[in-house]
Amino acid sequence: MLTRLEKKGLVRHERTGSLHHFAATATRESYIAALMHDALDVGSDRDAALVRFAETVSPTEAAVLRQALDDMANSGTTPRP
């Protein structure tokens, strides 16, 4: 199973003698964000999907998203892929 995950780029593999060491290539949160990005790429109307998503989040989640967007705008950073 770890070899399959390695082929997908989700884990990296080092071999020391007969020992195999596997480690995650990204955080769980980064993986989930990538899945969300992939899901947006599947649809024909990305904007509509984002609006629909925004309509379904809780007020607390909306505040987190709003703060993250404000922080990015204020710092001049661009979204990470």
N, C-alpha and C. Protein backbone atom coordinates (compact mmCIF):
# COMPACT_ATOMS: atom_id res chain seq x y z
N MET A 1 0.83 -1.18 0.00
CA MET A 1 0.00 0.00 0.00
C MET A 1 0.88 1.26 0.00
N LEU A 2 1.94 1.28 0.78
CA LEU A 2 2.81 2.44 0.81
C LEU A 2 3.48 2.69 -0.54
N THR A 3 3.78 1.63 -1.25
CA THR A 3 4.37 1.78 -2.58
C THR A 3 3.38 2.47 -3.52
N ARG A 4 2.11 2.13 -3.41
CA ARG A 4 1.09 2.80 -4.23
C ARG A 4 1.00 4.28 -3.89
N LEU A 5 1.03 4.58 -2.58
CA LEU A 5 0.98 5.97 -2.16
C LEU A 5 2.22 6.74 -2.63
N GLU A 6 3.35 6.05 -2.66
CA GLU A 6 4.58 6.68 -3.16
C GLU A 6 4.44 7.02 -4.65
N LYS A 7 3.86 6.12 -5.43
CA LYS A 7 3.66 6.36 -6.86
C LYS A 7 2.73 7.54 -7.09
N LYS A 8 1.82 7.78 -6.16
CA LYS A 8 0.90 8.91 -6.27
C LYS A 8 1.51 10.20 -5.72
N GLY A 9 2.71 10.10 -5.17
CA GLY A 9 3.39 11.28 -4.64
C GLY A 9 2.95 11.68 -3.25
N LEU A 10 2.25 10.80 -2.55
CA LEU A 10 1.75 11.13 -1.22
C LEU A 10 2.73 10.79 -0.11
N VAL A 11 3.65 9.90 -0.38
CA VAL A 11 4.70 9.56 0.59
C VAL A 11 6.03 9.49 -0.15
N ARG A 12 7.10 9.67 0.60
CA ARG A 12 8.43 9.47 0.03
C ARG A 12 9.06 8.27 0.73
N HIS A 13 10.01 7.69 0.06
CA HIS A 13 10.57 6.43 0.51
C HIS A 13 12.09 6.51 0.52
N GLU A 14 12.68 6.11 1.62
CA GLU A 14 14.13 6.00 1.72
C GLU A 14 14.45 4.59 2.17
N ARG A 15 15.51 4.08 1.61
CA ARG A 15 15.93 2.73 1.99
C ARG A 15 17.31 2.81 2.61
N THR A 16 17.46 2.24 3.79
CA THR A 16 18.73 2.17 4.48
C THR A 16 19.01 0.70 4.74
N GLY A 17 19.88 0.13 3.93
CA GLY A 17 20.11 -1.30 4.04
C GLY A 17 18.83 -2.05 3.72
N SER A 18 18.40 -2.85 4.67
CA SER A 18 17.16 -3.61 4.47
C SER A 18 15.94 -2.89 5.05
N LEU A 19 16.15 -1.72 5.65
CA LEU A 19 15.05 -0.97 6.25
C LEU A 19 14.45 0.00 5.25
N HIS A 20 13.15 0.11 5.27
CA HIS A 20 12.42 1.04 4.41
C HIS A 20 11.77 2.09 5.30
N HIS A 21 12.01 3.36 4.99
CA HIS A 21 11.43 4.46 5.74
C HIS A 21 10.50 5.23 4.82
N PHE A 22 9.25 5.38 5.23
CA PHE A 22 8.26 6.13 4.47
C PHE A 22 7.85 7.33 5.30
N ALA A 23 7.63 8.46 4.63
CA ALA A 23 7.16 9.66 5.31
C ALA A 23 6.20 10.40 4.38
N ALA A 24 5.25 11.06 4.97
CA ALA A 24 4.28 11.83 4.19
C ALA A 24 4.99 12.98 3.49
N THR A 25 4.54 13.31 2.28
CA THR A 25 5.14 14.41 1.54
C THR A 25 4.46 15.74 1.84
N ALA A 26 3.29 15.70 2.46
CA ALA A 26 2.55 16.92 2.80
C ALA A 26 1.66 16.65 4.00
N THR A 27 1.09 17.70 4.55
CA THR A 27 0.17 17.55 5.67
C THR A 27 -1.19 17.07 5.17
N ARG A 28 -1.96 16.57 6.08
CA ARG A 28 -3.33 16.14 5.75
C ARG A 28 -4.12 17.32 5.19
N GLU A 29 -3.91 18.49 5.79
CA GLU A 29 -4.63 19.69 5.35
C GLU A 29 -4.26 20.06 3.92
N SER A 30 -2.99 19.91 3.57
CA SER A 30 -2.56 20.20 2.20
C SER A 30 -3.19 19.21 1.22
N TYR A 31 -3.27 17.96 1.63
CA TYR A 31 -3.88 16.93 0.78
C TYR A 31 -5.37 17.24 0.56
N ILE A 32 -6.06 17.61 1.62
CA ILE A 32 -7.49 17.93 1.51
C ILE A 32 -7.69 19.15 0.62
N ALA A 33 -6.83 20.15 0.76
CA ALA A 33 -6.92 21.34 -0.09
C ALA A 33 -6.72 20.96 -1.55
N ALA A 34 -5.78 20.06 -1.82
CA ALA A 34 -5.55 19.61 -3.20
C ALA A 34 -6.77 18.88 -3.74
N LEU A 35 -7.42 18.07 -2.90
CA LEU A 35 -8.65 17.39 -3.32
C LEU A 35 -9.74 18.39 -3.67
N MET A 36 -9.86 19.43 -2.86
CA MET A 36 -10.86 20.45 -3.12
C MET A 36 -10.56 21.16 -4.44
N HIS A 37 -9.29 21.44 -4.68
CA HIS A 37 -8.87 22.07 -5.93
C HIS A 37 -9.22 21.17 -7.11
N ASP A 38 -8.93 19.88 -6.98
CA ASP A 38 -9.25 18.92 -8.04
C ASP A 38 -10.75 18.88 -8.31
N ALA A 39 -11.54 18.92 -7.24
CA ALA A 39 -13.00 18.89 -7.40
C ALA A 39 -13.48 20.13 -8.15
N LEU A 40 -12.89 21.29 -7.87
CA LEU A 40 -13.27 22.51 -8.60
C LEU A 40 -12.91 22.42 -10.08
N ASP A 41 -11.82 21.73 -10.37
CA ASP A 41 -11.39 21.59 -11.77
C ASP A 41 -12.31 20.70 -12.59
N VAL A 42 -13.09 19.84 -11.92
CA VAL A 42 -13.96 18.90 -12.62
C VAL A 42 -15.18 19.60 -13.21
N GLY A 43 -15.71 20.57 -12.49
CA GLY A 43 -16.93 21.24 -12.93
C GLY A 43 -16.68 22.22 -14.06
N SER A 44 -17.77 22.61 -14.69
CA SER A 44 -17.67 23.56 -15.80
C SER A 44 -17.76 25.00 -15.32
N ASP A 45 -18.30 25.23 -14.12
CA ASP A 45 -18.46 26.58 -13.59
C ASP A 45 -17.83 26.65 -12.20
N ARG A 46 -16.55 26.93 -12.18
CA ARG A 46 -15.79 26.99 -10.92
C ARG A 46 -16.37 28.03 -9.96
N ASP A 47 -16.75 29.20 -10.49
CA ASP A 47 -17.30 30.25 -9.65
C ASP A 47 -18.59 29.80 -8.96
N ALA A 48 -19.46 29.15 -9.70
CA ALA A 48 -20.72 28.66 -9.12
C ALA A 48 -20.45 27.63 -8.03
N ALA A 49 -19.47 26.77 -8.26
CA ALA A 49 -19.13 25.77 -7.25
C ALA A 49 -18.61 26.43 -5.99
N LEU A 50 -17.77 27.47 -6.15
CA LEU A 50 -17.25 28.19 -4.98
C LEU A 50 -18.37 28.88 -4.21
N VAL A 51 -19.31 29.50 -4.95
CA VAL A 51 -20.43 30.16 -4.30
C VAL A 51 -21.28 29.14 -3.55
N ARG A 52 -21.55 28.03 -4.18
CA ARG A 52 -22.35 26.98 -3.52
C ARG A 52 -21.65 26.47 -2.27
N PHE A 53 -20.34 26.28 -2.36
CA PHE A 53 -19.58 25.85 -1.18
C PHE A 53 -19.70 26.88 -0.07
N ALA A 54 -19.54 28.16 -0.42
CA ALA A 54 -19.63 29.23 0.58
C ALA A 54 -20.99 29.25 1.26
N GLU A 55 -22.03 28.89 0.52
CA GLU A 55 -23.38 28.87 1.09
C GLU A 55 -23.58 27.73 2.08
N THR A 56 -22.69 26.74 2.04
CA THR A 56 -22.89 25.56 2.90
C THR A 56 -22.01 25.53 4.13
N VAL A 57 -21.05 26.47 4.24
CA VAL A 57 -20.18 26.45 5.40
C VAL A 57 -20.85 27.14 6.58
N SER A 58 -20.39 26.77 7.76
CA SER A 58 -20.93 27.39 8.98
C SER A 58 -20.43 28.83 9.10
N PRO A 59 -21.06 29.62 9.94
CA PRO A 59 -20.57 30.99 10.15
C PRO A 59 -19.11 31.01 10.63
N THR A 60 -18.74 30.07 11.46
CA THR A 60 -17.36 30.00 11.95
C THR A 60 -16.40 29.69 10.81
N GLU A 61 -16.77 28.74 9.96
CA GLU A 61 -15.93 28.39 8.81
C GLU A 61 -15.83 29.57 7.83
N ALA A 62 -16.94 30.28 7.65
CA ALA A 62 -16.94 31.45 6.77
C ALA A 62 -15.99 32.51 7.31
N ALA A 63 -15.99 32.69 8.62
CA ALA A 63 -15.10 33.68 9.23
C ALA A 63 -13.63 33.29 9.03
N VAL A 64 -13.33 32.00 9.12
CA VAL A 64 -11.96 31.52 8.89
C VAL A 64 -11.55 31.79 7.45
N LEU A 65 -12.42 31.47 6.50
CA LEU A 65 -12.13 31.73 5.09
C LEU A 65 -11.95 33.22 4.83
N ARG A 66 -12.84 34.03 5.39
CA ARG A 66 -12.77 35.48 5.21
C ARG A 66 -11.45 36.03 5.75
N GLN A 67 -11.06 35.56 6.93
CA GLN A 67 -9.81 36.02 7.54
C GLN A 67 -8.60 35.60 6.69
N ALA A 68 -8.61 34.38 6.18
CA ALA A 68 -7.50 33.90 5.34
C ALA A 68 -7.40 34.74 4.07
N LEU A 69 -8.53 35.04 3.45
CA LEU A 69 -8.52 35.86 2.23
C LEU A 69 -8.06 37.28 2.53
N ASP A 70 -8.52 37.84 3.65
CA ASP A 70 -8.09 39.18 4.05
C ASP A 70 -6.59 39.21 4.32
N ASP A 71 -6.09 38.19 5.02
CA ASP A 71 -4.66 38.13 5.32
C ASP A 71 -3.84 38.06 4.05
N MET A 72 -4.29 37.26 3.08
CA MET A 72 -3.58 37.14 1.81
C MET A 72 -3.60 38.47 1.07
N ALA A 73 -4.74 39.13 1.05
CA ALA A 73 -4.86 40.42 0.35
C ALA A 73 -3.97 41.48 1.00
N ASN A 74 -3.94 41.49 2.32
CA ASN A 74 -3.15 42.49 3.04
C ASN A 74 -1.65 42.24 2.93
N SER A 75 -1.26 40.98 2.78
CA SER A 75 0.17 40.68 2.70
C SER A 75 0.67 40.64 1.25
N GLY A 76 -0.26 40.70 0.31
CA GLY A 76 0.12 40.66 -1.10
C GLY A 76 0.53 39.28 -1.58
N THR A 77 0.22 38.24 -0.79
CA THR A 77 0.57 36.89 -1.22
C THR A 77 -0.49 36.35 -2.16
N THR A 78 -0.09 35.37 -2.95
CA THR A 78 -1.01 34.72 -3.86
C THR A 78 -1.37 33.36 -3.30
N PRO A 79 -2.53 32.83 -3.68
CA PRO A 79 -2.94 31.52 -3.19
C PRO A 79 -1.93 30.44 -3.55
N ARG A 80 -1.78 29.48 -2.65
CA ARG A 80 -0.91 28.34 -2.92
C ARG A 80 -1.67 27.30 -3.72
N PRO A 81 -0.99 26.62 -4.63
CA PRO A 81 -1.65 25.56 -5.41
C PRO A 81 -1.99 24.37 -4.56
